[in-house]
Amino acid sequence: ATLKAFEESRAKLHLDYVDLYLIHWPAAQGAEAEWQRTNQETWRALETLYLDGLVRAIGVSKFKPHHLEQVLPFRDAADFLPMVDQIELHPGCNQEVTREFCNRHDIVVEAWSPLGSGRVLENQLLIDIAASYGCTVAQLCLRGACSAIPLPKSADPARIAENARIFWFDITDEDLQRIDELDPLGQSGLDPDTIDF
């Protein structure tokens, strides 16, 4: 099913290959009886696409450590590590456990919703910290997420340009800690272990 879905997508895109192909959601405990096997078989299909040159990088999205463990090579379930884990990551949702796991295994973290769907932009602490640097709250959040690859979404050309201008200032370790200690803020509520599709 994974290989067929890829070919359908590639045909619609009119491409010979894609740069990055992800498993969008892990099969999760509680959602299906053999969730580990489903994740492993899907991952093997992505490895096939990678080895065939149809995909330049393969990865996962919304995988937590217990999902990732099922596809890591040391478990004899795979030949390649996921190259990317795309997770919700923004102030108030720092995903410390998953980020540390990915860092230990050289898996690049990509931050989806790095602005908390815009909800973090109204947080007073973030407004105050951004003002101290002379930047916008969005720029602060994106710069703070640079230990990952932030993936902001915007259709506004001015905001897209603003979001790209984030390397002219550095955030102190103290301010990063204050941001990391924020209570849950702007989270989507989409947890792969509890979502009910």
N, C-alpha and C. Protein backbone atom coordinates (compact mmCIF):
# COMPACT_ATOMS: atom_id res chain seq x y z
N ALA A 1 0.83 -1.20 0.00
CA ALA A 1 0.00 0.00 0.00
C ALA A 1 0.87 1.26 0.00
N THR A 2 1.98 1.23 0.73
CA THR A 2 2.87 2.39 0.79
C THR A 2 3.49 2.67 -0.57
N LEU A 3 3.97 1.63 -1.25
CA LEU A 3 4.60 1.80 -2.56
C LEU A 3 3.58 2.30 -3.58
N LYS A 4 2.37 1.78 -3.51
CA LYS A 4 1.32 2.22 -4.43
C LYS A 4 0.96 3.69 -4.16
N ALA A 5 0.83 4.07 -2.90
CA ALA A 5 0.51 5.46 -2.56
C ALA A 5 1.61 6.40 -3.04
N PHE A 6 2.87 5.98 -2.89
CA PHE A 6 3.97 6.81 -3.37
C PHE A 6 3.88 7.02 -4.88
N GLU A 7 3.65 5.96 -5.63
CA GLU A 7 3.58 6.08 -7.09
C GLU A 7 2.43 6.98 -7.52
N GLU A 8 1.31 6.90 -6.82
CA GLU A 8 0.19 7.78 -7.13
C GLU A 8 0.56 9.23 -6.87
N SER A 9 1.20 9.49 -5.76
CA SER A 9 1.62 10.86 -5.44
C SER A 9 2.66 11.37 -6.43
N ARG A 10 3.63 10.54 -6.76
CA ARG A 10 4.68 10.95 -7.69
C ARG A 10 4.10 11.27 -9.06
N ALA A 11 3.13 10.47 -9.50
CA ALA A 11 2.49 10.72 -10.79
C ALA A 11 1.75 12.06 -10.77
N LYS A 12 1.05 12.35 -9.69
CA LYS A 12 0.33 13.63 -9.57
C LYS A 12 1.29 14.81 -9.55
N LEU A 13 2.47 14.60 -8.96
CA LEU A 13 3.47 15.67 -8.87
C LEU A 13 4.28 15.83 -10.16
N HIS A 14 4.22 14.83 -11.04
CA HIS A 14 5.00 14.82 -12.29
C HIS A 14 6.50 14.94 -12.00
N LEU A 15 6.97 14.12 -11.06
CA LEU A 15 8.38 14.15 -10.68
C LEU A 15 9.01 12.77 -10.85
N ASP A 16 10.32 12.78 -11.09
CA ASP A 16 11.07 11.53 -11.15
C ASP A 16 11.40 11.02 -9.75
N TYR A 17 11.55 11.95 -8.80
CA TYR A 17 11.86 11.61 -7.43
C TYR A 17 11.33 12.72 -6.52
N VAL A 18 11.26 12.44 -5.23
CA VAL A 18 10.91 13.48 -4.27
C VAL A 18 12.08 13.63 -3.28
N ASP A 19 12.21 14.81 -2.72
CA ASP A 19 13.32 15.08 -1.81
C ASP A 19 13.13 14.41 -0.45
N LEU A 20 11.91 14.42 0.07
CA LEU A 20 11.67 13.86 1.40
C LEU A 20 10.30 13.20 1.41
N TYR A 21 10.25 11.98 1.92
CA TYR A 21 9.00 11.24 2.01
C TYR A 21 8.88 10.75 3.45
N LEU A 22 7.75 11.04 4.08
CA LEU A 22 7.55 10.75 5.50
C LEU A 22 6.37 9.81 5.72
N ILE A 23 6.46 9.01 6.77
CA ILE A 23 5.28 8.34 7.31
C ILE A 23 4.58 9.40 8.15
N HIS A 24 3.37 9.78 7.78
CA HIS A 24 2.72 10.94 8.40
C HIS A 24 2.28 10.69 9.83
N TRP A 25 1.81 9.50 10.14
CA TRP A 25 1.38 9.13 11.49
C TRP A 25 1.90 7.73 11.79
N PRO A 26 2.36 7.49 13.00
CA PRO A 26 2.69 6.11 13.34
C PRO A 26 1.42 5.31 13.60
N ALA A 27 1.49 4.04 13.27
CA ALA A 27 0.46 3.15 13.80
C ALA A 27 0.74 3.10 15.30
N ALA A 28 -0.29 3.18 16.10
CA ALA A 28 -0.06 3.34 17.54
C ALA A 28 -0.73 2.25 18.35
N GLN A 29 -0.12 1.97 19.49
CA GLN A 29 -0.67 1.02 20.43
C GLN A 29 -2.06 1.48 20.84
N GLY A 30 -2.99 0.59 20.85
CA GLY A 30 -4.36 0.95 21.18
C GLY A 30 -5.20 1.21 19.95
N ALA A 31 -4.57 1.69 18.89
CA ALA A 31 -5.31 1.95 17.66
C ALA A 31 -5.38 0.70 16.79
N GLU A 32 -4.33 -0.11 16.86
CA GLU A 32 -4.37 -1.37 16.13
C GLU A 32 -3.51 -2.40 16.86
N ALA A 33 -3.88 -3.66 16.72
CA ALA A 33 -3.25 -4.72 17.49
C ALA A 33 -1.77 -4.91 17.15
N GLU A 34 -1.42 -4.86 15.88
CA GLU A 34 -0.04 -5.13 15.48
C GLU A 34 0.64 -3.85 15.01
N TRP A 35 0.56 -2.82 15.83
CA TRP A 35 1.07 -1.50 15.44
C TRP A 35 2.57 -1.51 15.15
N GLN A 36 3.35 -2.30 15.89
CA GLN A 36 4.79 -2.34 15.63
C GLN A 36 5.07 -2.89 14.24
N ARG A 37 4.40 -3.97 13.89
CA ARG A 37 4.63 -4.58 12.57
C ARG A 37 4.21 -3.63 11.45
N THR A 38 3.11 -2.94 11.64
CA THR A 38 2.67 -1.97 10.62
C THR A 38 3.73 -0.90 10.41
N ASN A 39 4.26 -0.35 11.51
CA ASN A 39 5.31 0.67 11.39
C ASN A 39 6.54 0.11 10.70
N GLN A 40 6.95 -1.12 11.07
CA GLN A 40 8.13 -1.73 10.47
C GLN A 40 7.95 -1.98 8.98
N GLU A 41 6.80 -2.51 8.58
CA GLU A 41 6.57 -2.80 7.16
C GLU A 41 6.48 -1.52 6.34
N THR A 42 5.86 -0.50 6.92
CA THR A 42 5.79 0.79 6.21
C THR A 42 7.18 1.37 6.06
N TRP A 43 7.99 1.27 7.13
CA TRP A 43 9.35 1.79 7.06
C TRP A 43 10.18 1.03 6.02
N ARG A 44 10.02 -0.29 5.95
CA ARG A 44 10.75 -1.07 4.93
C ARG A 44 10.39 -0.60 3.52
N ALA A 45 9.14 -0.24 3.32
CA ALA A 45 8.73 0.28 2.01
C ALA A 45 9.44 1.59 1.70
N LEU A 46 9.56 2.47 2.70
CA LEU A 46 10.28 3.73 2.49
C LEU A 46 11.75 3.47 2.19
N GLU A 47 12.34 2.48 2.86
CA GLU A 47 13.74 2.12 2.56
C GLU A 47 13.88 1.66 1.11
N THR A 48 12.92 0.91 0.63
CA THR A 48 12.94 0.46 -0.77
C THR A 48 12.92 1.66 -1.71
N LEU A 49 12.05 2.62 -1.44
CA LEU A 49 11.98 3.83 -2.28
C LEU A 49 13.30 4.59 -2.25
N TYR A 50 13.92 4.65 -1.08
CA TYR A 50 15.20 5.33 -0.93
C TYR A 50 16.29 4.60 -1.72
N LEU A 51 16.38 3.28 -1.58
CA LEU A 51 17.39 2.50 -2.28
C LEU A 51 17.19 2.53 -3.80
N ASP A 52 15.95 2.66 -4.24
CA ASP A 52 15.65 2.74 -5.66
C ASP A 52 15.88 4.14 -6.24
N GLY A 53 16.26 5.10 -5.40
CA GLY A 53 16.54 6.45 -5.87
C GLY A 53 15.31 7.29 -6.13
N LEU A 54 14.16 6.83 -5.68
CA LEU A 54 12.92 7.57 -5.91
C LEU A 54 12.69 8.64 -4.84
N VAL A 55 13.41 8.51 -3.73
CA VAL A 55 13.31 9.45 -2.61
C VAL A 55 14.73 9.76 -2.15
N ARG A 56 15.02 11.04 -1.94
CA ARG A 56 16.36 11.43 -1.50
C ARG A 56 16.56 11.30 0.01
N ALA A 57 15.47 11.43 0.77
CA ALA A 57 15.54 11.29 2.22
C ALA A 57 14.21 10.71 2.70
N ILE A 58 14.29 9.87 3.73
CA ILE A 58 13.08 9.25 4.27
C ILE A 58 12.98 9.57 5.76
N GLY A 59 11.75 9.68 6.22
CA GLY A 59 11.57 10.03 7.61
C GLY A 59 10.18 9.71 8.10
N VAL A 60 9.89 10.27 9.26
CA VAL A 60 8.62 10.02 9.93
C VAL A 60 8.07 11.34 10.44
N SER A 61 6.82 11.31 10.83
CA SER A 61 6.18 12.50 11.40
C SER A 61 5.35 12.07 12.59
N LYS A 62 5.48 12.84 13.67
CA LYS A 62 4.72 12.61 14.90
C LYS A 62 5.13 11.33 15.61
N PHE A 63 6.31 10.80 15.33
CA PHE A 63 6.80 9.60 16.01
C PHE A 63 7.44 10.00 17.33
N LYS A 64 7.05 9.32 18.38
CA LYS A 64 7.67 9.46 19.69
C LYS A 64 8.75 8.37 19.82
N PRO A 65 9.58 8.44 20.87
CA PRO A 65 10.64 7.43 21.00
C PRO A 65 10.15 5.98 20.91
N HIS A 66 9.04 5.64 21.55
CA HIS A 66 8.59 4.25 21.50
C HIS A 66 8.14 3.83 20.10
N HIS A 67 7.76 4.79 19.25
CA HIS A 67 7.46 4.46 17.85
C HIS A 67 8.76 4.30 17.07
N LEU A 68 9.69 5.22 17.31
CA LEU A 68 10.98 5.19 16.60
C LEU A 68 11.76 3.92 16.91
N GLU A 69 11.69 3.45 18.14
CA GLU A 69 12.43 2.25 18.52
C GLU A 69 12.05 1.05 17.67
N GLN A 70 10.83 1.03 17.16
CA GLN A 70 10.38 -0.10 16.36
C GLN A 70 11.00 -0.13 14.96
N VAL A 71 11.57 0.98 14.51
CA VAL A 71 12.15 1.00 13.16
C VAL A 71 13.65 1.27 13.15
N LEU A 72 14.27 1.37 14.30
CA LEU A 72 15.71 1.62 14.34
C LEU A 72 16.47 0.34 13.99
N PRO A 73 17.58 0.48 13.26
CA PRO A 73 18.34 -0.70 12.82
C PRO A 73 18.80 -1.62 13.96
N PHE A 74 19.07 -1.04 15.15
CA PHE A 74 19.55 -1.91 16.23
C PHE A 74 18.47 -2.89 16.69
N ARG A 75 17.24 -2.70 16.25
CA ARG A 75 16.16 -3.63 16.58
C ARG A 75 15.96 -4.66 15.47
N ASP A 76 16.87 -4.68 14.49
CA ASP A 76 16.79 -5.58 13.33
C ASP A 76 15.51 -5.38 12.53
N ALA A 77 14.93 -4.21 12.61
CA ALA A 77 13.70 -3.93 11.88
C ALA A 77 13.96 -3.11 10.64
N ALA A 78 15.16 -2.57 10.51
CA ALA A 78 15.41 -1.65 9.40
C ALA A 78 16.90 -1.62 9.08
N ASP A 79 17.20 -1.11 7.89
CA ASP A 79 18.60 -0.92 7.48
C ASP A 79 19.05 0.52 7.68
N PHE A 80 18.09 1.46 7.65
CA PHE A 80 18.42 2.88 7.74
C PHE A 80 17.64 3.53 8.87
N LEU A 81 18.28 4.48 9.52
CA LEU A 81 17.59 5.32 10.49
C LEU A 81 16.65 6.27 9.77
N PRO A 82 15.55 6.65 10.40
CA PRO A 82 14.81 7.78 9.84
C PRO A 82 15.75 8.98 9.78
N MET A 83 15.71 9.71 8.70
CA MET A 83 16.57 10.87 8.55
C MET A 83 15.94 12.11 9.18
N VAL A 84 14.63 12.09 9.30
CA VAL A 84 13.87 13.22 9.83
C VAL A 84 12.72 12.70 10.69
N ASP A 85 12.44 13.40 11.78
CA ASP A 85 11.19 13.20 12.53
C ASP A 85 10.54 14.58 12.61
N GLN A 86 9.41 14.73 11.97
CA GLN A 86 8.69 16.00 11.95
C GLN A 86 7.69 15.99 13.11
N ILE A 87 7.94 16.86 14.10
CA ILE A 87 7.10 16.87 15.30
C ILE A 87 6.58 18.28 15.57
N GLU A 88 5.46 18.36 16.26
CA GLU A 88 4.97 19.66 16.71
C GLU A 88 5.96 20.21 17.72
N LEU A 89 6.48 21.41 17.45
CA LEU A 89 7.53 21.97 18.30
C LEU A 89 7.43 23.48 18.28
N HIS A 90 7.15 24.06 19.44
CA HIS A 90 7.04 25.52 19.58
C HIS A 90 7.07 25.85 21.06
N PRO A 91 7.18 27.12 21.43
CA PRO A 91 7.13 27.46 22.85
C PRO A 91 5.88 26.87 23.50
N GLY A 92 6.09 26.25 24.65
CA GLY A 92 4.98 25.59 25.33
C GLY A 92 4.77 24.16 24.86
N CYS A 93 5.54 23.72 23.90
CA CYS A 93 5.48 22.35 23.38
C CYS A 93 6.88 21.99 22.92
N ASN A 94 7.78 21.77 23.89
CA ASN A 94 9.19 21.62 23.52
C ASN A 94 9.62 20.20 23.21
N GLN A 95 8.78 19.20 23.45
CA GLN A 95 9.05 17.82 23.05
C GLN A 95 10.46 17.36 23.44
N GLU A 96 10.86 17.71 24.64
CA GLU A 96 12.24 17.45 25.08
C GLU A 96 12.65 15.98 24.95
N VAL A 97 11.79 15.07 25.34
CA VAL A 97 12.13 13.65 25.32
C VAL A 97 12.36 13.17 23.88
N THR A 98 11.46 13.55 22.98
CA THR A 98 11.60 13.13 21.59
C THR A 98 12.81 13.79 20.95
N ARG A 99 13.05 15.07 21.22
CA ARG A 99 14.22 15.75 20.65
C ARG A 99 15.51 15.10 21.13
N GLU A 100 15.60 14.78 22.42
CA GLU A 100 16.81 14.15 22.94
C GLU A 100 17.03 12.77 22.30
N PHE A 101 15.96 12.01 22.12
CA PHE A 101 16.07 10.70 21.48
C PHE A 101 16.58 10.87 20.05
N CYS A 102 16.00 11.80 19.32
CA CYS A 102 16.42 12.03 17.93
C CYS A 102 17.89 12.49 17.88
N ASN A 103 18.28 13.36 18.76
CA ASN A 103 19.67 13.83 18.78
C ASN A 103 20.63 12.68 19.04
N ARG A 104 20.28 11.78 19.95
CA ARG A 104 21.14 10.62 20.24
C ARG A 104 21.32 9.72 19.03
N HIS A 105 20.31 9.68 18.16
CA HIS A 105 20.33 8.77 17.01
C HIS A 105 20.56 9.50 15.69
N ASP A 106 20.99 10.76 15.75
CA ASP A 106 21.28 11.56 14.54
C ASP A 106 20.08 11.65 13.60
N ILE A 107 18.91 11.80 14.17
CA ILE A 107 17.69 12.02 13.40
C ILE A 107 17.39 13.51 13.45
N VAL A 108 17.28 14.15 12.30
CA VAL A 108 17.01 15.58 12.25
C VAL A 108 15.57 15.83 12.67
N VAL A 109 15.37 16.81 13.53
CA VAL A 109 14.03 17.19 13.96
C VAL A 109 13.54 18.35 13.11
N GLU A 110 12.37 18.18 12.54
CA GLU A 110 11.71 19.25 11.79
C GLU A 110 10.50 19.69 12.62
N ALA A 111 10.40 20.99 12.85
CA ALA A 111 9.32 21.52 13.70
C ALA A 111 8.13 21.93 12.85
N TRP A 112 7.02 21.20 13.00
CA TRP A 112 5.81 21.68 12.35
C TRP A 112 5.05 22.52 13.37
N SER A 113 4.36 23.50 12.88
CA SER A 113 3.63 24.46 13.73
C SER A 113 4.56 25.17 14.71
N PRO A 114 5.71 25.70 14.25
CA PRO A 114 6.63 26.35 15.18
C PRO A 114 6.08 27.63 15.80
N LEU A 115 4.94 28.10 15.28
CA LEU A 115 4.29 29.28 15.86
C LEU A 115 2.99 28.89 16.58
N GLY A 116 2.83 27.60 16.84
CA GLY A 116 1.65 27.14 17.57
C GLY A 116 0.36 27.58 16.91
N SER A 117 0.32 27.49 15.56
CA SER A 117 -0.84 27.93 14.77
C SER A 117 -1.21 29.38 15.10
N GLY A 118 -0.19 30.17 15.44
CA GLY A 118 -0.39 31.59 15.73
C GLY A 118 -0.75 31.89 17.17
N ARG A 119 -1.06 30.86 17.94
CA ARG A 119 -1.50 31.09 19.32
C ARG A 119 -0.38 31.59 20.22
N VAL A 120 0.86 31.26 19.93
CA VAL A 120 1.96 31.71 20.79
C VAL A 120 2.26 33.20 20.61
N LEU A 121 1.77 33.79 19.54
CA LEU A 121 2.09 35.18 19.23
C LEU A 121 1.51 36.17 20.23
N GLU A 122 0.53 35.73 21.02
CA GLU A 122 -0.11 36.60 22.01
C GLU A 122 0.40 36.39 23.43
N ASN A 123 1.40 35.53 23.61
CA ASN A 123 1.92 35.25 24.94
C ASN A 123 2.77 36.42 25.42
N GLN A 124 2.47 36.95 26.60
CA GLN A 124 3.14 38.15 27.08
C GLN A 124 4.64 37.95 27.32
N LEU A 125 5.04 36.80 27.85
CA LEU A 125 6.46 36.55 28.05
C LEU A 125 7.20 36.61 26.71
N LEU A 126 6.63 35.97 25.69
CA LEU A 126 7.27 35.97 24.37
C LEU A 126 7.29 37.37 23.76
N ILE A 127 6.23 38.13 23.98
CA ILE A 127 6.18 39.52 23.50
C ILE A 127 7.29 40.33 24.15
N ASP A 128 7.47 40.17 25.46
CA ASP A 128 8.50 40.92 26.19
C ASP A 128 9.91 40.52 25.75
N ILE A 129 10.14 39.22 25.59
CA ILE A 129 11.47 38.77 25.17
C ILE A 129 11.76 39.25 23.75
N ALA A 130 10.79 39.14 22.86
CA ALA A 130 10.98 39.61 21.48
C ALA A 130 11.30 41.10 21.45
N ALA A 131 10.59 41.88 22.26
CA ALA A 131 10.84 43.33 22.30
C ALA A 131 12.27 43.62 22.75
N SER A 132 12.81 42.82 23.66
CA SER A 132 14.17 43.04 24.13
C SER A 132 15.21 42.80 23.04
N TYR A 133 14.86 42.02 22.04
CA TYR A 133 15.77 41.77 20.91
C TYR A 133 15.45 42.63 19.69
N GLY A 134 14.32 43.34 19.74
CA GLY A 134 13.92 44.15 18.60
C GLY A 134 13.43 43.32 17.43
N CYS A 135 12.83 42.18 17.74
CA CYS A 135 12.31 41.30 16.68
C CYS A 135 10.83 41.03 16.95
N THR A 136 10.19 40.36 16.02
CA THR A 136 8.79 39.96 16.23
C THR A 136 8.75 38.67 17.05
N VAL A 137 7.60 38.37 17.62
CA VAL A 137 7.44 37.12 18.36
C VAL A 137 7.66 35.93 17.41
N ALA A 138 7.17 36.05 16.18
CA ALA A 138 7.37 34.96 15.22
C ALA A 138 8.86 34.73 14.97
N GLN A 139 9.61 35.82 14.79
CA GLN A 139 11.05 35.67 14.57
C GLN A 139 11.72 35.03 15.78
N LEU A 140 11.31 35.43 16.98
CA LEU A 140 11.86 34.86 18.20
C LEU A 140 11.60 33.35 18.25
N CYS A 141 10.37 32.95 17.98
CA CYS A 141 10.01 31.53 18.02
C CYS A 141 10.78 30.72 16.99
N LEU A 142 10.89 31.26 15.78
CA LEU A 142 11.60 30.55 14.72
C LEU A 142 13.09 30.46 15.02
N ARG A 143 13.67 31.53 15.55
CA ARG A 143 15.09 31.52 15.90
C ARG A 143 15.33 30.54 17.04
N GLY A 144 14.42 30.51 17.99
CA GLY A 144 14.56 29.59 19.11
C GLY A 144 14.41 28.13 18.71
N ALA A 145 13.76 27.89 17.59
CA ALA A 145 13.55 26.52 17.10
C ALA A 145 14.67 26.06 16.18
N CYS A 146 15.74 26.83 16.08
CA CYS A 146 16.79 26.50 15.11
C CYS A 146 17.64 25.31 15.49
N SER A 147 17.42 24.71 16.66
CA SER A 147 18.06 23.42 16.92
C SER A 147 17.34 22.35 16.10
N ALA A 148 16.20 22.72 15.56
CA ALA A 148 15.43 21.89 14.64
C ALA A 148 15.31 22.67 13.33
N ILE A 149 14.59 22.12 12.37
CA ILE A 149 14.30 22.85 11.14
C ILE A 149 12.88 23.37 11.26
N PRO A 150 12.70 24.67 11.52
CA PRO A 150 11.33 25.18 11.67
C PRO A 150 10.63 25.24 10.31
N LEU A 151 9.38 24.88 10.31
CA LEU A 151 8.58 24.83 9.09
C LEU A 151 7.33 25.69 9.27
N PRO A 152 7.49 27.03 9.21
CA PRO A 152 6.31 27.89 9.39
C PRO A 152 5.44 27.88 8.13
N LYS A 153 4.18 28.19 8.33
CA LYS A 153 3.23 28.22 7.22
C LYS A 153 2.70 29.64 7.08
N SER A 154 2.79 30.17 5.87
CA SER A 154 2.20 31.48 5.59
C SER A 154 1.98 31.62 4.10
N ALA A 155 0.96 32.34 3.73
CA ALA A 155 0.71 32.67 2.32
C ALA A 155 1.02 34.14 2.05
N ASP A 156 1.39 34.88 3.09
CA ASP A 156 1.67 36.30 2.99
C ASP A 156 3.15 36.52 2.65
N PRO A 157 3.46 37.08 1.47
CA PRO A 157 4.86 37.27 1.08
C PRO A 157 5.68 38.06 2.09
N ALA A 158 5.09 39.07 2.73
CA ALA A 158 5.83 39.86 3.72
C ALA A 158 6.17 39.01 4.95
N ARG A 159 5.24 38.19 5.37
CA ARG A 159 5.51 37.32 6.53
C ARG A 159 6.53 36.25 6.18
N ILE A 160 6.45 35.72 4.98
CA ILE A 160 7.43 34.72 4.55
C ILE A 160 8.83 35.32 4.58
N ALA A 161 8.97 36.54 4.08
CA ALA A 161 10.28 37.22 4.10
C ALA A 161 10.72 37.49 5.53
N GLU A 162 9.80 37.95 6.38
CA GLU A 162 10.12 38.20 7.79
C GLU A 162 10.56 36.92 8.49
N ASN A 163 9.86 35.82 8.22
CA ASN A 163 10.19 34.54 8.84
C ASN A 163 11.58 34.04 8.44
N ALA A 164 12.05 34.46 7.28
CA ALA A 164 13.38 34.04 6.82
C ALA A 164 14.50 34.89 7.43
N ARG A 165 14.16 36.08 7.95
CA ARG A 165 15.16 36.97 8.54
C ARG A 165 15.26 36.74 10.05
N ILE A 166 15.94 35.67 10.43
CA ILE A 166 16.01 35.34 11.86
C ILE A 166 17.43 35.13 12.37
N PHE A 167 18.42 35.35 11.52
CA PHE A 167 19.79 35.04 11.94
C PHE A 167 20.60 36.27 12.30
N TRP A 168 19.96 37.39 12.50
CA TRP A 168 20.68 38.61 12.85
C TRP A 168 20.76 38.82 14.37
N PHE A 169 20.15 37.93 15.14
CA PHE A 169 20.23 38.05 16.60
C PHE A 169 20.38 36.65 17.21
N ASP A 170 20.95 36.61 18.39
CA ASP A 170 21.09 35.36 19.14
C ASP A 170 20.29 35.48 20.43
N ILE A 171 19.70 34.39 20.84
CA ILE A 171 18.92 34.36 22.07
C ILE A 171 19.81 33.82 23.18
N THR A 172 19.82 34.49 24.31
CA THR A 172 20.65 34.04 25.43
C THR A 172 20.14 32.71 25.96
N ASP A 173 21.03 31.96 26.59
CA ASP A 173 20.63 30.69 27.20
C ASP A 173 19.55 30.90 28.25
N GLU A 174 19.64 32.01 28.98
CA GLU A 174 18.64 32.31 30.00
C GLU A 174 17.26 32.49 29.37
N ASP A 175 17.19 33.24 28.27
CA ASP A 175 15.90 33.44 27.61
C ASP A 175 15.39 32.14 26.99
N LEU A 176 16.28 31.33 26.44
CA LEU A 176 15.86 30.04 25.89
C LEU A 176 15.26 29.17 26.98
N GLN A 177 15.86 29.21 28.16
CA GLN A 177 15.33 28.42 29.28
C GLN A 177 13.95 28.94 29.69
N ARG A 178 13.78 30.25 29.74
CA ARG A 178 12.47 30.83 30.09
C ARG A 178 11.41 30.40 29.08
N ILE A 179 11.79 30.37 27.82
CA ILE A 179 10.86 29.95 26.77
C ILE A 179 10.54 28.46 26.92
N ASP A 180 11.57 27.64 27.15
CA ASP A 180 11.37 26.19 27.30
C ASP A 180 10.49 25.84 28.50
N GLU A 181 10.48 26.70 29.51
CA GLU A 181 9.72 26.42 30.72
C GLU A 181 8.27 26.89 30.66
N LEU A 182 7.86 27.44 29.52
CA LEU A 182 6.47 27.88 29.39
C LEU A 182 5.51 26.71 29.58
N ASP A 183 4.39 26.98 30.21
CA ASP A 183 3.33 25.98 30.32
C ASP A 183 2.81 25.66 28.93
N PRO A 184 2.11 24.52 28.76
CA PRO A 184 1.56 24.19 27.45
C PRO A 184 0.83 25.38 26.83
N LEU A 185 1.17 25.63 25.56
CA LEU A 185 0.71 26.84 24.89
C LEU A 185 0.55 26.55 23.40
N GLY A 186 -0.64 26.66 22.90
CA GLY A 186 -0.85 26.56 21.47
C GLY A 186 -0.76 25.18 20.88
N GLN A 187 -0.80 24.13 21.72
CA GLN A 187 -0.67 22.78 21.18
C GLN A 187 -1.91 22.37 20.41
N SER A 188 -1.68 21.55 19.39
CA SER A 188 -2.78 21.10 18.54
C SER A 188 -3.65 20.06 19.24
N GLY A 189 -3.07 19.34 20.19
CA GLY A 189 -3.80 18.25 20.84
C GLY A 189 -3.74 16.95 20.05
N LEU A 190 -2.96 16.94 18.98
CA LEU A 190 -2.86 15.75 18.14
C LEU A 190 -1.74 14.85 18.67
N ASP A 191 -2.12 13.84 19.43
CA ASP A 191 -1.17 12.91 20.02
C ASP A 191 -1.34 11.57 19.32
N PRO A 192 -0.26 11.03 18.72
CA PRO A 192 -0.40 9.78 17.98
C PRO A 192 -0.84 8.59 18.83
N ASP A 193 -0.69 8.69 20.13
CA ASP A 193 -1.11 7.58 20.99
C ASP A 193 -2.56 7.68 21.43
N THR A 194 -3.16 8.84 21.23
CA THR A 194 -4.55 9.00 21.68
C THR A 194 -5.50 9.43 20.58
N ILE A 195 -4.98 9.78 19.42
CA ILE A 195 -5.86 10.25 18.33
C ILE A 195 -6.80 9.13 17.91
N ASP A 196 -8.03 9.47 17.62
CA ASP A 196 -9.03 8.47 17.23
C ASP A 196 -9.51 8.81 15.83
N PHE A 197 -8.92 8.14 14.85
CA PHE A 197 -9.30 8.40 13.45
C PHE A 197 -10.56 7.67 13.09
